């Protein structure tokens, strides 16, 4: 099974990342957040997929 992100999910990730960059001036945290969400989704796929 392949893990796919809907366009809406991709946009949500982009917006969350952009919010962190703008509001907290922290692009590193924004990148780490997106990476962690994607890693955790992949882990859930392994468990339930």
Protein backbone atom coordinates (compact mmCIF):
# COMPACT_ATOMS: atom_id res chain seq x y z
CA UNK A 1 0.00 0.00 0.00
CA UNK A 2 1.20 3.48 -0.84
CA UNK A 3 0.75 6.45 1.46
CA UNK A 4 -0.78 9.41 -0.35
CA UNK A 5 -1.47 12.92 0.90
CA UNK A 6 -4.57 14.64 -0.43
CA UNK A 7 -4.20 18.12 -1.89
CA UNK A 8 -5.97 19.44 1.20
CA UNK A 9 -3.53 17.67 3.52
CA UNK A 10 -0.57 19.02 1.56
CA UNK A 11 -2.00 22.52 1.80
CA UNK A 12 -2.55 22.11 5.55
CA UNK A 13 1.08 21.09 5.99
CA UNK A 14 2.23 24.02 3.90
CA UNK A 15 0.11 26.46 5.90
CA UNK A 16 1.26 25.08 9.24
CA UNK A 17 4.85 25.34 8.14
CA UNK A 18 4.40 28.87 6.86
CA UNK A 19 2.68 29.92 10.09
CA UNK A 20 5.66 28.75 12.15
CA UNK A 21 8.10 30.50 9.85
CA UNK A 22 6.21 33.80 9.95
CA UNK A 23 4.93 33.87 13.53
CA UNK A 24 7.93 32.34 15.29
CA UNK A 25 10.70 33.19 12.80
CA UNK A 26 11.78 29.56 12.95
CA UNK A 27 12.11 27.81 9.59
CA UNK A 28 14.01 24.93 11.17
CA UNK A 29 11.09 24.15 13.51
CA UNK A 30 8.67 24.39 10.59
CA UNK A 31 10.68 21.89 8.57
CA UNK A 32 11.03 19.54 11.53
CA UNK A 33 7.28 19.67 12.19
CA UNK A 34 6.41 18.68 8.63
CA UNK A 35 9.03 15.92 8.66
CA UNK A 36 7.73 14.56 11.96
CA UNK A 37 4.12 14.54 10.76
CA UNK A 38 5.11 12.71 7.58
CA UNK A 39 7.27 10.24 9.53
CA UNK A 40 4.45 9.55 11.99
CA UNK A 41 1.96 9.05 9.15
CA UNK A 42 4.33 6.54 7.58
CA UNK A 43 4.61 4.74 10.92
CA UNK A 44 0.82 4.54 11.18
CA UNK A 45 0.71 3.10 7.66
CA UNK A 46 3.11 0.37 8.76
CA UNK A 47 0.89 -0.46 11.73
CA UNK A 48 -2.52 -0.25 10.04
CA UNK A 49 -1.71 -0.49 6.35
